[in-house]
Amino acid sequence: MAGSRTPDADGSRRLTVAAAQVRSGTDPVANLEQATGAVRRAADAGARLVVLPEATSASFARNPQRAAEPLDGPFASGIRAAAAEAGVTVVVGLFEPAGDGRVHNTLLVTGPAGEATYRKVHLFDAFDSRESDTVAPGEGYVVTDVDGGDAGPVRVGLATCYDVRFADQFTALGARGAELVVLPASWGDGPGKADQWDVLVRARALDAQAWLLASAQAWQEPVKGAPLGIGRSMLVDPLGAVHAQLGADPDLLVAEVDLDVVGAVRKRIPVLP
């Protein structure tokens, strides 16, 4: 199976993860081809968990209502097939129809351990944007088990982009046992936004006392203020240290995380409720 590994001599639980920093356009068919290619490359590099950005199915340059598909539609089905073929778990951002004429900004998790979904709770009604005009908020936070191979089941918390400004969500994910939080994003460019992204991602890893893997859309020139991406995907440890970070262009971050660090940090700094 792709991403298998030899157990560590010290018996520690280690997981190889990947953030696939793509640059999505407005065509879901082209975006699916780009995404499945990134999944294959990540699996070939040894990743067992591959995280794609928010809005991978279609960028915010397109009205999400026109790009939305059900979870059994062609985009989600193509991601499932790629995950199954590679033998990995994939987390991907897409838009699905909601019941009120708007859409949900959804994360689909699919892999050997089954499926889970998270619908973005905190909508980007800031910096002159109104995500809530087209997107309906989800209800509740989500932690799910993914297949970690030799590491066994791994508890993974889910969050999306603007959620990163809400510390309580990440504290709640950590309190529910998340060892790793994944944060797909399509972060808008602008004055100070890169610095805000870096600070917030590191702070939220501290709040969750968990590893945090942020997978962001590669940089694109903003279109009418739409948040199209700045890149800067990163992996942060439970003490807020950056272990790896990408630049602005499409790229693949692959790194190994030591899951035992999570319990050690929580034991030494018992701040989670």
Protein backbone atom coordinates (compact mmCIF):
# COMPACT_ATOMS: atom_id res chain seq x y z
CA MET A 1 0.00 0.00 0.00
CA ALA A 2 1.25 3.50 -0.78
CA GLY A 3 2.79 5.23 2.22
CA SER A 4 3.56 2.09 4.24
CA ARG A 5 6.62 2.25 6.48
CA THR A 6 8.81 0.20 8.76
CA PRO A 7 7.92 0.66 12.45
CA ASP A 8 10.34 2.89 14.35
CA ALA A 9 12.79 1.14 16.61
CA ASP A 10 11.60 3.19 19.58
CA GLY A 11 7.97 2.21 18.98
CA SER A 12 6.81 5.82 18.53
CA ARG A 13 3.73 6.64 16.48
CA ARG A 14 4.72 8.50 13.36
CA LEU A 15 2.62 9.60 10.42
CA THR A 16 3.73 11.00 7.08
CA VAL A 17 1.45 13.79 5.92
CA ALA A 18 1.28 16.00 2.84
CA ALA A 19 -0.16 19.43 2.06
CA ALA A 20 -0.84 19.67 -1.67
CA GLN A 21 -0.65 23.38 -2.46
CA VAL A 22 -2.52 23.69 -5.76
CA ARG A 23 -3.81 26.68 -7.71
CA SER A 24 -7.48 26.01 -8.47
CA GLY A 25 -9.27 27.74 -11.30
CA THR A 26 -12.94 27.98 -12.15
CA ASP A 27 -13.24 24.63 -14.03
CA PRO A 28 -13.99 21.67 -11.71
CA VAL A 29 -12.85 19.15 -14.35
CA ALA A 30 -9.41 20.73 -14.66
CA ASN A 31 -9.23 21.15 -10.90
CA LEU A 32 -9.99 17.46 -10.37
CA GLU A 33 -7.18 16.47 -12.71
CA GLN A 34 -4.78 18.75 -10.83
CA ALA A 35 -5.94 17.44 -7.45
CA THR A 36 -5.71 13.74 -8.32
CA GLY A 37 -2.23 14.27 -9.74
CA ALA A 38 -1.19 15.87 -6.45
CA VAL A 39 -2.64 12.94 -4.50
CA ARG A 40 -0.61 10.48 -6.57
CA ARG A 41 2.61 12.44 -6.08
CA ALA A 42 2.02 12.70 -2.33
CA ALA A 43 1.34 8.98 -2.04
CA ASP A 44 4.48 8.20 -4.05
CA ALA A 45 6.40 10.38 -1.57
CA GLY A 46 5.15 8.24 1.33
CA ALA A 47 2.22 10.26 2.67
CA ARG A 48 -0.69 8.43 4.27
CA LEU A 49 -2.75 11.61 4.73
CA VAL A 50 -2.99 14.12 1.87
CA VAL A 51 -4.65 17.50 2.48
CA LEU A 52 -5.81 19.70 -0.40
CA PRO A 53 -6.96 23.32 0.04
CA GLU A 54 -10.33 24.90 0.57
CA ALA A 55 -12.18 25.50 -2.73
CA THR A 56 -10.14 22.87 -4.58
CA SER A 57 -13.18 22.03 -6.72
CA ALA A 58 -13.55 25.65 -7.92
CA SER A 59 -11.90 28.87 -6.81
CA PHE A 60 -13.81 31.77 -5.31
CA ALA A 61 -13.43 33.54 -8.66
CA ARG A 62 -16.50 31.49 -9.65
CA ASN A 63 -19.83 31.81 -7.87
CA PRO A 64 -19.87 28.80 -5.49
CA GLN A 65 -23.57 28.24 -6.23
CA ARG A 66 -22.69 27.48 -9.86
CA ALA A 67 -19.80 25.21 -8.88
CA ALA A 68 -21.61 23.19 -6.22
CA GLU A 69 -22.03 19.43 -6.62
CA PRO A 70 -23.50 16.81 -4.27
CA LEU A 71 -21.13 14.52 -2.40
CA ASP A 72 -21.83 11.76 -4.91
CA GLY A 73 -21.10 14.11 -7.83
CA PRO A 74 -18.20 13.82 -10.28
CA PHE A 75 -15.66 15.88 -8.32
CA ALA A 76 -16.08 14.08 -4.99
CA SER A 77 -16.29 10.71 -6.76
CA GLY A 78 -13.02 11.44 -8.57
CA ILE A 79 -11.29 12.28 -5.29
CA ARG A 80 -12.62 9.05 -3.73
CA ALA A 81 -11.26 7.04 -6.63
CA ALA A 82 -7.84 8.70 -6.37
CA ALA A 83 -7.68 8.07 -2.62
CA ALA A 84 -8.67 4.43 -3.05
CA GLU A 85 -6.19 3.85 -5.86
CA ALA A 86 -3.35 5.37 -3.84
CA GLY A 87 -4.40 3.72 -0.56
CA VAL A 88 -4.34 7.03 1.33
CA THR A 89 -6.72 9.35 3.15
CA VAL A 90 -7.52 12.59 1.33
CA VAL A 91 -9.03 15.77 2.78
CA VAL A 92 -10.35 18.18 0.15
CA GLY A 93 -12.40 21.38 0.05
CA LEU A 94 -15.44 21.58 -2.22
CA PHE A 95 -18.86 23.19 -2.46
CA GLU A 96 -22.09 21.20 -2.04
CA PRO A 97 -25.69 22.41 -2.29
CA ALA A 98 -27.38 23.51 0.93
CA GLY A 99 -31.10 23.40 1.57
CA ASP A 100 -31.73 27.15 1.43
CA GLY A 101 -30.41 27.92 -2.06
CA ARG A 102 -26.90 28.60 -0.83
CA VAL A 103 -24.06 26.07 -0.66
CA HIS A 104 -21.91 24.55 2.07
CA ASN A 105 -18.16 25.12 2.10
CA THR A 106 -17.36 21.50 2.83
CA LEU A 107 -14.35 19.36 3.68
CA LEU A 108 -14.63 15.76 2.50
CA VAL A 109 -12.43 13.20 4.23
CA THR A 110 -12.18 9.90 2.35
CA GLY A 111 -9.86 6.95 2.82
CA PRO A 112 -9.39 3.43 4.20
CA ALA A 113 -11.13 4.28 7.50
CA GLY A 114 -14.27 5.58 5.78
CA GLU A 115 -15.61 9.08 5.24
CA ALA A 116 -16.39 12.22 7.21
CA THR A 117 -17.49 15.75 6.32
CA TYR A 118 -17.11 19.14 7.94
CA ARG A 119 -19.07 22.17 6.80
CA LYS A 120 -17.34 25.45 7.55
CA VAL A 121 -18.85 27.09 10.61
CA HIS A 122 -17.27 30.56 10.56
CA LEU A 123 -17.99 32.33 7.27
CA PHE A 124 -15.73 35.00 5.79
CA ASP A 125 -17.82 38.11 6.33
CA ALA A 126 -14.81 40.39 6.67
CA PHE A 127 -12.42 42.54 4.62
CA ASP A 128 -15.36 43.63 2.44
CA SER A 129 -16.27 39.98 1.62
CA ARG A 130 -19.66 38.37 2.32
CA GLU A 131 -19.26 34.61 2.15
CA SER A 132 -22.61 34.19 3.90
CA ASP A 133 -24.41 35.61 0.86
CA THR A 134 -23.70 32.38 -1.03
CA VAL A 135 -22.57 29.95 1.69
CA ALA A 136 -24.63 28.52 4.55
CA PRO A 137 -22.76 27.81 7.81
CA GLY A 138 -22.30 24.31 9.09
CA GLU A 139 -23.26 23.12 12.54
CA GLY A 140 -20.70 21.80 14.99
CA TYR A 141 -17.03 20.90 15.01
CA VAL A 142 -15.70 17.58 13.72
CA VAL A 143 -12.97 15.18 14.83
CA THR A 144 -12.63 11.91 12.94
CA ASP A 145 -10.36 8.86 12.93
CA VAL A 146 -8.15 8.28 9.90
CA ASP A 147 -6.02 5.28 9.04
CA GLY A 148 -2.47 5.89 10.22
CA GLY A 149 -1.03 2.56 9.07
CA ASP A 150 1.58 1.45 11.60
CA ALA A 151 0.58 4.42 13.79
CA GLY A 152 -2.93 3.00 14.17
CA PRO A 153 -6.02 5.22 14.07
CA VAL A 154 -5.18 8.92 14.23
CA ARG A 155 -7.62 11.49 15.60
CA VAL A 156 -7.86 14.39 13.15
CA GLY A 157 -9.72 17.65 13.71
CA LEU A 158 -11.13 19.64 10.79
CA ALA A 159 -11.22 23.39 10.23
CA THR A 160 -11.37 25.67 7.19
CA CYS A 161 -9.61 28.96 6.45
CA TYR A 162 -11.43 31.76 8.35
CA ASP A 163 -12.04 29.33 11.22
CA VAL A 164 -8.40 30.01 12.12
CA ARG A 165 -9.43 33.32 13.69
CA PHE A 166 -11.61 31.52 16.28
CA ALA A 167 -9.44 30.02 19.01
CA ASP A 168 -12.33 28.22 20.73
CA GLN A 169 -12.79 25.90 17.77
CA PHE A 170 -9.22 24.64 18.01
CA THR A 171 -9.35 24.29 21.78
CA ALA A 172 -12.53 22.23 21.33
CA LEU A 173 -10.86 20.00 18.72
CA GLY A 174 -7.92 19.39 21.04
CA ALA A 175 -10.26 18.66 23.95
CA ARG A 176 -12.01 16.06 21.77
CA GLY A 177 -8.74 14.25 21.27
CA ALA A 178 -7.47 15.62 17.97
CA GLU A 179 -3.79 14.76 17.58
CA LEU A 180 -3.58 16.60 14.27
CA VAL A 181 -5.74 19.45 12.99
CA VAL A 182 -5.95 19.99 9.23
CA LEU A 183 -6.74 23.47 7.91
CA PRO A 184 -7.50 23.72 4.19
CA ALA A 185 -7.59 27.38 3.17
CA SER A 186 -7.96 29.88 0.35
CA TRP A 187 -6.51 32.87 2.19
CA GLY A 188 -7.01 36.26 0.63
CA ASP A 189 -3.98 38.38 -0.18
CA GLY A 190 -3.64 41.96 1.02
CA PRO A 191 -1.66 44.23 3.38
CA GLY A 192 -0.54 42.27 6.43
CA LYS A 193 -2.47 39.14 5.46
CA ALA A 194 0.61 36.89 5.14
CA ASP A 195 1.81 37.86 8.61
CA GLN A 196 -1.67 37.31 10.03
CA TRP A 197 -1.82 33.85 8.45
CA ASP A 198 1.53 32.82 9.92
CA VAL A 199 0.70 34.06 13.41
CA LEU A 200 -2.81 32.60 13.47
CA VAL A 201 -1.82 29.13 12.27
CA ARG A 202 0.92 28.88 14.88
CA ALA A 203 -1.39 30.17 17.62
CA ARG A 204 -4.13 27.67 16.77
CA ALA A 205 -1.68 24.76 17.05
CA LEU A 206 -0.94 26.00 20.56
CA ASP A 207 -4.66 26.26 21.33
CA ALA A 208 -5.32 22.69 20.18
CA GLN A 209 -2.04 21.37 21.60
CA ALA A 210 -1.89 19.34 18.42
CA TRP A 211 0.02 19.20 15.18
CA LEU A 212 -1.54 21.54 12.61
CA LEU A 213 -1.23 21.02 8.86
CA ALA A 214 -2.44 24.03 6.87
CA SER A 215 -2.93 23.37 3.15
CA ALA A 216 -3.47 26.60 1.24
CA GLN A 217 -4.27 27.63 -2.29
CA ALA A 218 -1.18 28.87 -4.12
CA TRP A 219 -0.98 32.61 -4.69
CA GLN A 220 -3.29 34.15 -7.26
CA GLU A 221 -3.92 37.77 -8.14
CA PRO A 222 -7.11 38.75 -6.28
CA VAL A 223 -10.22 39.18 -8.45
CA LYS A 224 -12.72 41.72 -7.10
CA GLY A 225 -11.55 40.95 -3.58
CA ALA A 226 -12.17 37.20 -3.83
CA PRO A 227 -9.86 35.21 -1.49
CA LEU A 228 -7.94 33.17 -4.07
CA GLY A 229 -4.84 32.22 -2.09
CA ILE A 230 -1.39 33.30 -0.94
CA GLY A 231 0.32 29.90 -0.55
CA ARG A 232 2.40 29.52 2.64
CA SER A 233 1.11 26.03 3.53
CA MET A 234 2.78 24.88 6.71
CA LEU A 235 3.19 22.18 9.34
CA VAL A 236 3.28 23.36 12.96
CA ASP A 237 3.90 21.29 16.09
CA PRO A 238 1.85 21.41 19.34
CA LEU A 239 4.19 24.05 20.78
CA GLY A 240 3.75 26.37 17.80
CA ALA A 241 7.06 25.69 16.07
CA VAL A 242 7.01 25.66 12.26
CA HIS A 243 8.51 22.41 10.95
CA ALA A 244 8.00 23.10 7.25
CA GLN A 245 6.50 25.84 5.09
CA LEU A 246 6.00 26.39 1.37
CA GLY A 247 6.28 29.57 -0.63
CA ALA A 248 3.71 31.15 -2.92
CA ASP A 249 3.70 28.76 -5.89
CA PRO A 250 2.09 25.33 -6.37
CA ASP A 251 4.15 22.79 -4.44
CA LEU A 252 3.96 19.72 -2.22
CA LEU A 253 4.87 19.68 1.47
CA VAL A 254 5.63 16.19 2.78
CA ALA A 255 6.73 15.66 6.36
CA GLU A 256 6.59 13.14 9.19
CA VAL A 257 4.87 13.97 12.46
CA ASP A 258 5.62 12.35 15.81
CA LEU A 259 2.18 11.83 17.32
CA ASP A 260 3.59 10.96 20.74
CA VAL A 261 4.61 14.61 21.13
CA VAL A 262 0.93 15.53 21.53
CA GLY A 263 0.40 13.55 24.72
CA ALA A 264 3.70 14.71 26.15
CA VAL A 265 2.85 18.37 25.61
CA ARG A 266 -0.63 17.99 27.09
CA LYS A 267 0.79 16.26 30.14
CA ARG A 268 3.38 18.97 30.74
CA ILE A 269 1.03 21.90 29.99
CA PRO A 270 -2.48 20.81 31.11
CA VAL A 271 -4.58 23.66 29.70
CA LEU A 272 -7.23 21.86 27.64
CA PRO A 273 -10.70 21.68 29.26
